Amino acid sequence: MINSVFNKSMSSAHLKQQLIKLVRLYPILALSVLLLAYLLGGFSERDNPLIPQSVVITSLYLFVGLVPLFFIIAFIVVGNASDKEFSRNRANQSNLVYEDAFDLPTQVMHGYKLALITGREPTLTGLTGDRYLADSSAKCTITPTHIPPVAGCECGFYAYKDLADAKFELSINPGAFLLDVDLYGLGFTYQRGYRAETQVVNSLTIPKRCMRCRILPSALFVTTYRLGYDDISWWQWQVRCVICSSSFKDEDKLSIEQMSDKLSLKI
């Protein structure tokens, strides 16, 4: 495995995380503003409210209009910054040339990532739709002749370095599971993660609570039929509690131990 000589700046990714966290707070902030407006007499018919009703209503209109606009502009700016970072990394590909393969630096690549469990026969599936086993080598679907990863391509197995980054992505992908992985072979290391040739999944973590009701403890896996865009459909496995899984047929259920055997990994 090799360590690339350039580190990908993740300032834009960090800003994106912060923006998403702020968006989650927006409903609470909006309710707080409405409560404040009510306490200040903005919705009162009294002759002498603490603050004139017209001022309160105008402020609410500005809040409702400007705050979402701010988020839209911020996401556009962060997206453009991310594109520029990608272009800079592509321009630095010439720095990856080594005259002797034995001079390549080495690094242990242990990380975390997200995956779905899809298919009638359970299979690990990346968020991009690529399926793989617990021990797999990457294959490029765009240029099958080269061996991933390649500097000028996006092929290969990806993983985050820090568990916190993976957990944040899990919070915006509620149907996915958290994987603990080791990457091997040829690879690149970035500020927040890795991209490598082969991958071994060490374990899969399931949520403690049912993925449907979010209240009762997880008990077993069930599969449901999902419909997507362009007539794309698939079977997706989730963990449910005893009550939320009671209506499923036996052939649509697997215990946690059975799923562990099917995927050949620790759960």
C-alpha atoms as a PDB file:
ATOM      1  CA  MET A   1       0.000   0.000   0.000  1.00  0.00           C
ATOM      2  CA  ILE A   2       1.269   3.452  -0.709  1.00  0.00           C
ATOM      3  CA  ASN A   3       0.669   6.823   0.832  1.00  0.00           C
ATOM      4  CA  SER A   4       0.028   9.543  -1.709  1.00  0.00           C
ATOM      5  CA  VAL A   5       2.321  12.566  -1.493  1.00  0.00           C
ATOM      6  CA  PHE A   6      -0.532  15.038  -1.431  1.00  0.00           C
ATOM      7  CA  ASN A   7      -3.235  15.444   1.218  1.00  0.00           C
ATOM      8  CA  LYS A   8      -6.715  16.377   0.104  1.00  0.00           C
ATOM      9  CA  SER A   9      -7.890  19.453   1.964  1.00  0.00           C
ATOM     10  CA  MET A  10     -11.180  18.696   3.648  1.00  0.00           C
ATOM     11  CA  SER A  11     -12.091  22.220   4.743  1.00  0.00           C
ATOM     12  CA  SER A  12     -15.065  22.206   2.368  1.00  0.00           C
ATOM     13  CA  ALA A  13     -16.217  18.835   3.710  1.00  0.00           C
ATOM     14  CA  HIS A  14     -15.995  20.154   7.267  1.00  0.00           C
ATOM     15  CA  LEU A  15     -18.028  23.217   6.299  1.00  0.00           C
ATOM     16  CA  LYS A  16     -20.616  20.983   4.659  1.00  0.00           C
ATOM     17  CA  GLN A  17     -20.977  18.998   7.880  1.00  0.00           C
ATOM     18  CA  GLN A  18     -21.445  22.181   9.877  1.00  0.00           C
ATOM     19  CA  LEU A  19     -24.077  23.461   7.427  1.00  0.00           C
ATOM     20  CA  ILE A  20     -26.030  20.211   7.667  1.00  0.00           C
ATOM     21  CA  LYS A  21     -25.951  20.451  11.466  1.00  0.00           C
ATOM     22  CA  LEU A  22     -27.272  24.022  11.250  1.00  0.00           C
ATOM     23  CA  VAL A  23     -30.049  22.940   8.881  1.00  0.00           C
ATOM     24  CA  ARG A  24     -31.141  20.378  11.469  1.00  0.00           C
ATOM     25  CA  LEU A  25     -31.424  23.177  14.031  1.00  0.00           C
ATOM     26  CA  TYR A  26     -33.536  25.366  11.725  1.00  0.00           C
ATOM     27  CA  PRO A  27     -36.962  23.966  12.824  1.00  0.00           C
ATOM     28  CA  ILE A  28     -36.071  24.540  16.490  1.00  0.00           C
ATOM     29  CA  LEU A  29     -34.846  28.037  15.687  1.00  0.00           C
ATOM     30  CA  ALA A  30     -38.028  28.783  13.723  1.00  0.00           C
ATOM     31  CA  LEU A  31     -40.254  27.655  16.605  1.00  0.00           C
ATOM     32  CA  SER A  32     -38.193  29.764  19.010  1.00  0.00           C
ATOM     33  CA  VAL A  33     -38.645  32.832  16.796  1.00  0.00           C
ATOM     34  CA  LEU A  34     -42.412  32.228  16.600  1.00  0.00           C
ATOM     35  CA  LEU A  35     -42.604  31.849  20.375  1.00  0.00           C
ATOM     36  CA  LEU A  36     -40.626  35.051  20.853  1.00  0.00           C
ATOM     37  CA  ALA A  37     -42.903  36.883  18.418  1.00  0.00           C
ATOM     38  CA  TYR A  38     -45.947  35.642  20.321  1.00  0.00           C
ATOM     39  CA  LEU A  39     -44.538  36.756  23.691  1.00  0.00           C
ATOM     40  CA  LEU A  40     -43.708  40.170  22.266  1.00  0.00           C
ATOM     41  CA  GLY A  41     -47.310  40.616  21.162  1.00  0.00           C
ATOM     42  CA  GLY A  42     -46.793  40.094  17.451  1.00  0.00           C
ATOM     43  CA  PHE A  43     -50.006  38.058  17.160  1.00  0.00           C
ATOM     44  CA  SER A  44     -51.985  40.073  19.687  1.00  0.00           C
ATOM     45  CA  GLU A  45     -54.866  42.395  18.842  1.00  0.00           C
ATOM     46  CA  ARG A  46     -54.069  44.704  21.748  1.00  0.00           C
ATOM     47  CA  ASP A  47     -53.867  48.402  21.045  1.00  0.00           C
ATOM     48  CA  ASN A  48     -50.423  48.844  22.641  1.00  0.00           C
ATOM     49  CA  PRO A  49     -48.332  45.692  22.169  1.00  0.00           C
ATOM     50  CA  LEU A  50     -44.745  45.633  23.379  1.00  0.00           C
ATOM     51  CA  ILE A  51     -43.527  45.650  19.761  1.00  0.00           C
ATOM     52  CA  PRO A  52     -45.773  46.785  16.864  1.00  0.00           C
ATOM     53  CA  GLN A  53     -47.364  43.880  15.034  1.00  0.00           C
ATOM     54  CA  SER A  54     -46.114  45.160  11.672  1.00  0.00           C
ATOM     55  CA  VAL A  55     -42.496  45.020  12.898  1.00  0.00           C
ATOM     56  CA  VAL A  56     -42.890  41.446  14.150  1.00  0.00           C
ATOM     57  CA  ILE A  57     -44.569  40.236  10.948  1.00  0.00           C
ATOM     58  CA  THR A  58     -41.923  41.917   8.773  1.00  0.00           C
ATOM     59  CA  SER A  59     -39.167  40.306  10.838  1.00  0.00           C
ATOM     60  CA  LEU A  60     -40.798  36.892  10.423  1.00  0.00           C
ATOM     61  CA  TYR A  61     -41.007  37.359   6.646  1.00  0.00           C
ATOM     62  CA  LEU A  62     -37.311  38.288   6.549  1.00  0.00           C
ATOM     63  CA  PHE A  63     -36.406  35.274   8.689  1.00  0.00           C
ATOM     64  CA  VAL A  64     -38.388  32.837   6.556  1.00  0.00           C
ATOM     65  CA  GLY A  65     -36.964  34.277   3.341  1.00  0.00           C
ATOM     66  CA  LEU A  66     -33.342  35.076   4.190  1.00  0.00           C
ATOM     67  CA  VAL A  67     -32.306  32.078   6.308  1.00  0.00           C
ATOM     68  CA  PRO A  68     -33.113  29.428   3.644  1.00  0.00           C
ATOM     69  CA  LEU A  69     -31.493  31.685   1.036  1.00  0.00           C
ATOM     70  CA  PHE A  70     -28.361  31.814   3.189  1.00  0.00           C
ATOM     71  CA  PHE A  71     -28.217  28.013   3.335  1.00  0.00           C
ATOM     72  CA  ILE A  72     -28.694  27.692  -0.433  1.00  0.00           C
ATOM     73  CA  ILE A  73     -25.881  30.169  -1.157  1.00  0.00           C
ATOM     74  CA  ALA A  74     -23.639  28.507   1.446  1.00  0.00           C
ATOM     75  CA  PHE A  75     -24.115  25.040  -0.074  1.00  0.00           C
ATOM     76  CA  ILE A  76     -23.380  26.421  -3.551  1.00  0.00           C
ATOM     77  CA  VAL A  77     -20.161  28.068  -2.306  1.00  0.00           C
ATOM     78  CA  VAL A  78     -19.044  24.915  -0.494  1.00  0.00           C
ATOM     79  CA  GLY A  79     -19.817  22.817  -3.566  1.00  0.00           C
ATOM     80  CA  ASN A  80     -17.709  25.095  -5.777  1.00  0.00           C
ATOM     81  CA  ALA A  81     -14.855  24.947  -3.245  1.00  0.00           C
ATOM     82  CA  SER A  82     -15.027  21.141  -3.285  1.00  0.00           C
ATOM     83  CA  ASP A  83     -14.853  21.112  -7.100  1.00  0.00           C
ATOM     84  CA  LYS A  84     -11.778  23.377  -7.020  1.00  0.00           C
ATOM     85  CA  GLU A  85     -10.076  21.094  -4.495  1.00  0.00           C
ATOM     86  CA  PHE A  86     -10.739  18.110  -6.743  1.00  0.00           C
ATOM     87  CA  SER A  87      -9.267  19.977  -9.726  1.00  0.00           C
ATOM     88  CA  ARG A  88      -6.154  20.862  -7.732  1.00  0.00           C
ATOM     89  CA  ASN A  89      -5.685  17.239  -6.738  1.00  0.00           C
ATOM     90  CA  ARG A  90      -6.002  16.162 -10.361  1.00  0.00           C
ATOM     91  CA  ALA A  91      -3.329  18.724 -11.285  1.00  0.00           C
ATOM     92  CA  ASN A  92      -0.968  17.264  -8.676  1.00  0.00           C
ATOM     93  CA  GLN A  93      -1.036  13.762 -10.150  1.00  0.00           C
ATOM     94  CA  SER A  94       2.467  14.223 -11.533  1.00  0.00           C
ATOM     95  CA  ASN A  95       3.771  14.168  -7.952  1.00  0.00           C
ATOM     96  CA  LEU A  96       2.756  10.515  -7.645  1.00  0.00           C
ATOM     97  CA  VAL A  97       5.510   9.186  -9.930  1.00  0.00           C
ATOM     98  CA  TYR A  98       8.101   6.881  -8.314  1.00  0.00           C
ATOM     99  CA  GLU A  99      11.078   5.524 -10.232  1.00  0.00           C
ATOM    100  CA  ASP A 100      11.397   2.409  -8.072  1.00  0.00           C
ATOM    101  CA  ALA A 101       8.353   0.522  -6.767  1.00  0.00           C
ATOM    102  CA  PHE A 102      10.335  -0.500  -3.664  1.00  0.00           C
ATOM    103  CA  ASP A 103      10.616   3.179  -2.701  1.00  0.00           C
ATOM    104  CA  LEU A 104       6.850   3.494  -2.191  1.00  0.00           C
ATOM    105  CA  PRO A 105       5.927   4.624   1.344  1.00  0.00           C
ATOM    106  CA  THR A 106       3.817   2.267   3.471  1.00  0.00           C
ATOM    107  CA  GLN A 107       0.966   2.897   5.871  1.00  0.00           C
ATOM    108  CA  VAL A 108      -1.628   0.884   7.758  1.00  0.00           C
ATOM    109  CA  MET A 109      -5.047   1.767   6.341  1.00  0.00           C
ATOM    110  CA  HIS A 110      -7.727   1.016   8.916  1.00  0.00           C
ATOM    111  CA  GLY A 111     -11.003   2.876   8.702  1.00  0.00           C
ATOM    112  CA  TYR A 112     -14.774   3.009   8.693  1.00  0.00           C
ATOM    113  CA  LYS A 113     -17.448   3.253   6.009  1.00  0.00           C
ATOM    114  CA  LEU A 114     -21.155   2.817   5.318  1.00  0.00           C
ATOM    115  CA  ALA A 115     -22.941   0.088   3.413  1.00  0.00           C
ATOM    116  CA  LEU A 116     -26.436  -1.146   2.707  1.00  0.00           C
ATOM    117  CA  ILE A 117     -27.449  -4.807   2.778  1.00  0.00           C
ATOM    118  CA  THR A 118     -29.386  -5.561  -0.398  1.00  0.00           C
ATOM    119  CA  GLY A 119     -30.530  -8.457  -2.541  1.00  0.00           C
ATOM    120  CA  ARG A 120     -32.705 -11.455  -1.852  1.00  0.00           C
ATOM    121  CA  GLU A 121     -29.453 -13.157  -0.903  1.00  0.00           C
ATOM    122  CA  PRO A 122     -27.921 -10.559   1.478  1.00  0.00           C
ATOM    123  CA  THR A 123     -24.977  -8.688  -0.043  1.00  0.00           C
ATOM    124  CA  LEU A 124     -22.986  -5.678   1.122  1.00  0.00           C
ATOM    125  CA  THR A 125     -23.710  -2.737  -1.173  1.00  0.00           C
ATOM    126  CA  GLY A 126     -21.981   0.640  -1.156  1.00  0.00           C
ATOM    127  CA  LEU A 127     -23.968   3.855  -1.196  1.00  0.00           C
ATOM    128  CA  THR A 128     -22.975   4.203  -4.870  1.00  0.00           C
ATOM    129  CA  GLY A 129     -24.623   0.844  -5.670  1.00  0.00           C
ATOM    130  CA  ASP A 130     -21.501  -1.313  -6.004  1.00  0.00           C
ATOM    131  CA  ARG A 131     -21.796  -4.757  -4.387  1.00  0.00           C
ATOM    132  CA  TYR A 132     -18.900  -6.527  -2.700  1.00  0.00           C
ATOM    133  CA  LEU A 133     -18.001  -9.371  -0.346  1.00  0.00           C
ATOM    134  CA  ALA A 134     -16.417  -9.144   3.081  1.00  0.00           C
ATOM    135  CA  ASP A 135     -13.028  -9.735   1.413  1.00  0.00           C
ATOM    136  CA  SER A 136     -12.865  -8.168  -2.055  1.00  0.00           C
ATOM    137  CA  SER A 137     -10.636  -6.527  -4.632  1.00  0.00           C
ATOM    138  CA  ALA A 138     -11.888  -3.407  -6.381  1.00  0.00           C
ATOM    139  CA  LYS A 139     -12.819  -3.448 -10.068  1.00  0.00           C
ATOM    140  CA  CYS A 140     -13.236  -0.371 -12.211  1.00  0.00           C
ATOM    141  CA  THR A 141     -16.529  -0.352 -14.123  1.00  0.00           C
ATOM    142  CA  ILE A 142     -15.438   2.549 -16.337  1.00  0.00           C
ATOM    143  CA  THR A 143     -12.031   1.247 -17.439  1.00  0.00           C
ATOM    144  CA  PRO A 144     -11.859  -2.505 -16.697  1.00  0.00           C
ATOM    145  CA  THR A 145      -8.298  -2.749 -18.062  1.00  0.00           C
ATOM    146  CA  HIS A 146      -6.637  -0.914 -15.166  1.00  0.00           C
ATOM    147  CA  ILE A 147      -6.245  -2.114 -11.580  1.00  0.00           C
ATOM    148  CA  PRO A 148      -7.760   0.242  -8.976  1.00  0.00           C
ATOM    149  CA  PRO A 149      -6.938   2.649  -7.554  1.00  0.00           C
ATOM    150  CA  VAL A 150      -5.652   4.915 -10.321  1.00  0.00           C
ATOM    151  CA  ALA A 151      -4.789   8.586  -9.760  1.00  0.00           C
ATOM    152  CA  GLY A 152      -6.853   9.773 -12.722  1.00  0.00           C
ATOM    153  CA  CYS A 153      -9.929   7.706 -11.797  1.00  0.00           C
ATOM    154  CA  GLU A 154     -12.252   7.456  -8.799  1.00  0.00           C
ATOM    155  CA  CYS A 155     -12.214   3.655  -8.582  1.00  0.00           C
ATOM    156  CA  GLY A 156     -11.201   1.721  -5.473  1.00  0.00           C
ATOM    157  CA  PHE A 157     -12.478   1.081  -1.965  1.00  0.00           C
ATOM    158  CA  TYR A 158     -12.965   4.157   0.218  1.00  0.00           C
ATOM    159  CA  ALA A 159     -12.948   4.487   4.014  1.00  0.00           C
ATOM    160  CA  TYR A 160     -12.903   7.241   6.602  1.00  0.00           C
ATOM    161  CA  LYS A 161      -9.995   7.484   9.024  1.00  0.00           C
ATOM    162  CA  ASP A 162     -12.082   8.737  11.937  1.00  0.00           C
ATOM    163  CA  LEU A 163     -15.119   6.995  13.357  1.00  0.00           C
ATOM    164  CA  ALA A 164     -16.780  10.373  14.000  1.00  0.00           C
ATOM    165  CA  ASP A 165     -16.837  11.198  10.268  1.00  0.00           C
ATOM    166  CA  ALA A 166     -18.433   7.856   9.436  1.00  0.00           C
ATOM    167  CA  LYS A 167     -21.037   8.278  12.178  1.00  0.00           C
ATOM    168  CA  PHE A 168     -21.943  11.718  10.833  1.00  0.00           C
ATOM    169  CA  GLU A 169     -22.508  10.252   7.358  1.00  0.00           C
ATOM    170  CA  LEU A 170     -24.566   7.491   8.982  1.00  0.00           C
ATOM    171  CA  SER A 171     -26.823  10.154  10.517  1.00  0.00           C
ATOM    172  CA  ILE A 172     -27.813  11.348   7.018  1.00  0.00           C
ATOM    173  CA  ASN A 173     -28.079   7.811   5.598  1.00  0.00           C
ATOM    174  CA  PRO A 174     -30.421   6.124   8.107  1.00  0.00           C
ATOM    175  CA  GLY A 175     -30.832   2.931   6.076  1.00  0.00           C
ATOM    176  CA  ALA A 176     -27.107   2.144   6.071  1.00  0.00           C
ATOM    177  CA  PHE A 177     -24.872   0.214   8.451  1.00  0.00           C
ATOM    178  CA  LEU A 178     -21.456   1.102   9.874  1.00  0.00           C
ATOM    179  CA  LEU A 179     -18.505  -1.057   8.779  1.00  0.00           C
ATOM    180  CA  ASP A 180     -15.067  -1.445  10.330  1.00  0.00           C
ATOM    181  CA  VAL A 181     -12.593  -2.195   7.514  1.00  0.00           C
ATOM    182  CA  ASP A 182      -8.936  -2.702   6.687  1.00  0.00           C
ATOM    183  CA  LEU A 183      -7.636  -1.663   3.269  1.00  0.00           C
ATOM    184  CA  TYR A 184      -4.678  -3.305   1.576  1.00  0.00           C
ATOM    185  CA  GLY A 185      -2.594  -3.140  -1.578  1.00  0.00           C
ATOM    186  CA  LEU A 186      -2.001  -0.040  -3.628  1.00  0.00           C
ATOM    187  CA  GLY A 187      -3.712   2.976  -2.100  1.00  0.00           C
ATOM    188  CA  PHE A 188      -3.967   6.704  -1.524  1.00  0.00           C
ATOM    189  CA  THR A 189      -4.309   8.442   1.818  1.00  0.00           C
ATOM    190  CA  TYR A 190      -6.165  11.725   2.236  1.00  0.00           C
ATOM    191  CA  GLN A 191      -6.712  14.002   5.182  1.00  0.00           C
ATOM    192  CA  ARG A 192      -9.963  12.262   6.178  1.00  0.00           C
ATOM    193  CA  GLY A 193      -9.673   8.837   4.621  1.00  0.00           C
ATOM    194  CA  TYR A 194      -8.224   6.262   2.260  1.00  0.00           C
ATOM    195  CA  ARG A 195      -8.762   4.776  -1.206  1.00  0.00           C
ATOM    196  CA  ALA A 196      -7.249   1.375  -1.854  1.00  0.00           C
ATOM    197  CA  GLU A 197      -7.107  -1.743  -4.003  1.00  0.00           C
ATOM    198  CA  THR A 198      -8.504  -4.411  -1.657  1.00  0.00           C
ATOM    199  CA  GLN A 199     -10.761  -4.367   1.373  1.00  0.00           C
ATOM    200  CA  VAL A 200     -11.485  -6.680   4.304  1.00  0.00           C
ATOM    201  CA  VAL A 201     -14.587  -5.971   6.368  1.00  0.00           C
ATOM    202  CA  ASN A 202     -13.861  -6.726  10.021  1.00  0.00           C
ATOM    203  CA  SER A 203     -17.305  -6.105  11.469  1.00  0.00           C
ATOM    204  CA  LEU A 204     -20.724  -4.587  10.865  1.00  0.00           C
ATOM    205  CA  THR A 205     -22.438  -2.527  13.573  1.00  0.00           C
ATOM    206  CA  ILE A 206     -26.211  -2.521  13.817  1.00  0.00           C
ATOM    207  CA  PRO A 207     -28.194   0.217  15.598  1.00  0.00           C
ATOM    208  CA  LYS A 208     -29.370  -0.555  19.119  1.00  0.00           C
ATOM    209  CA  ARG A 209     -32.891   0.572  18.265  1.00  0.00           C
ATOM    210  CA  CYS A 210     -35.311  -0.663  15.615  1.00  0.00           C
ATOM    211  CA  MET A 211     -34.720   1.049  12.263  1.00  0.00           C
ATOM    212  CA  ARG A 212     -38.486   1.627  11.907  1.00  0.00           C
ATOM    213  CA  CYS A 213     -39.973   2.673  15.245  1.00  0.00           C
ATOM    214  CA  ARG A 214     -36.638   3.923  16.693  1.00  0.00           C
ATOM    215  CA  ILE A 215     -37.862   2.923  20.165  1.00  0.00           C
ATOM    216  CA  LEU A 216     -37.632  -0.801  20.854  1.00  0.00           C
ATOM    217  CA  PRO A 217     -34.365  -2.805  20.746  1.00  0.00           C
ATOM    218  CA  SER A 218     -33.255  -4.390  17.470  1.00  0.00           C
ATOM    219  CA  ALA A 219     -34.061  -8.099  17.332  1.00  0.00           C
ATOM    220  CA  LEU A 220     -33.654  -9.449  13.782  1.00  0.00           C
ATOM    221  CA  PHE A 221     -33.187  -8.583  10.115  1.00  0.00           C
ATOM    222  CA  VAL A 222     -36.104  -8.254   7.696  1.00  0.00           C
ATOM    223  CA  THR A 223     -36.134  -7.473   3.991  1.00  0.00           C
ATOM    224  CA  THR A 224     -38.453  -5.144   2.098  1.00  0.00           C
ATOM    225  CA  TYR A 225     -38.912  -4.445  -1.600  1.00  0.00           C
ATOM    226  CA  ARG A 226     -37.828  -0.943  -2.597  1.00  0.00           C
ATOM    227  CA  LEU A 227     -38.768   1.031  -5.707  1.00  0.00           C
ATOM    228  CA  GLY A 228     -36.428   3.671  -7.113  1.00  0.00           C
ATOM    229  CA  TYR A 229     -36.125   5.916 -10.138  1.00  0.00           C
ATOM    230  CA  ASP A 230     -36.148   4.630 -13.733  1.00  0.00           C
ATOM    231  CA  ASP A 231     -37.897   1.363 -12.754  1.00  0.00           C
ATOM    232  CA  ILE A 232     -34.959   0.357 -10.518  1.00  0.00           C
ATOM    233  CA  SER A 233     -36.035  -1.891  -7.640  1.00  0.00           C
ATOM    234  CA  TRP A 234     -34.198  -3.928  -5.046  1.00  0.00           C
ATOM    235  CA  TRP A 235     -34.514  -5.876  -1.796  1.00  0.00           C
ATOM    236  CA  GLN A 236     -33.111  -4.055   1.233  1.00  0.00           C
ATOM    237  CA  TRP A 237     -32.410  -5.530   4.663  1.00  0.00           C
ATOM    238  CA  GLN A 238     -32.916  -3.632   7.924  1.00  0.00           C
ATOM    239  CA  VAL A 239     -32.961  -4.511  11.600  1.00  0.00           C
ATOM    240  CA  ARG A 240     -36.335  -4.330  13.304  1.00  0.00           C
ATOM    241  CA  CYS A 241     -37.738  -4.960  16.760  1.00  0.00           C
ATOM    242  CA  VAL A 242     -40.002  -7.911  17.555  1.00  0.00           C
ATOM    243  CA  ILE A 243     -43.189  -5.888  17.049  1.00  0.00           C
ATOM    244  CA  CYS A 244     -42.190  -4.143  13.780  1.00  0.00           C
ATOM    245  CA  SER A 245     -41.041  -7.472  12.289  1.00  0.00           C
ATOM    246  CA  SER A 246     -44.088  -9.500  13.368  1.00  0.00           C
ATOM    247  CA  SER A 247     -45.934  -9.048  10.046  1.00  0.00           C
ATOM    248  CA  PHE A 248     -43.061 -10.407   7.903  1.00  0.00           C
ATOM    249  CA  LYS A 249     -42.998 -13.925   6.516  1.00  0.00           C
ATOM    250  CA  ASP A 250     -40.378 -16.355   7.787  1.00  0.00           C
ATOM    251  CA  GLU A 251     -38.548 -16.301   4.441  1.00  0.00           C
ATOM    252  CA  ASP A 252     -38.167 -12.513   4.789  1.00  0.00           C
ATOM    253  CA  LYS A 253     -36.482 -12.728   8.203  1.00  0.00           C
ATOM    254  CA  LEU A 254     -32.990 -13.558   9.381  1.00  0.00           C
ATOM    255  CA  SER A 255     -31.605 -13.626  12.877  1.00  0.00           C
ATOM    256  CA  ILE A 256     -28.496 -11.577  13.600  1.00  0.00           C
ATOM    257  CA  GLU A 257     -26.457 -14.784  13.729  1.00  0.00           C
ATOM    258  CA  GLN A 258     -27.847 -15.953  10.385  1.00  0.00           C
ATOM    259  CA  MET A 259     -27.027 -12.592   8.760  1.00  0.00           C
ATOM    260  CA  SER A 260     -23.513 -12.809  10.170  1.00  0.00           C
ATOM    261  CA  ASP A 261     -23.075 -16.198   8.491  1.00  0.00           C
ATOM    262  CA  LYS A 262     -24.562 -14.973   5.217  1.00  0.00           C
ATOM    263  CA  LEU A 263     -22.178 -12.013   5.019  1.00  0.00           C
ATOM    264  CA  SER A 264     -19.201 -13.934   6.479  1.00  0.00           C
ATOM    265  CA  LEU A 265     -18.396 -11.196   8.963  1.00  0.00           C
ATOM    266  CA  LYS A 266     -18.845 -10.265  12.602  1.00  0.00           C
ATOM    267  CA  ILE A 267     -22.007  -8.407  13.636  1.00  0.00           C
END
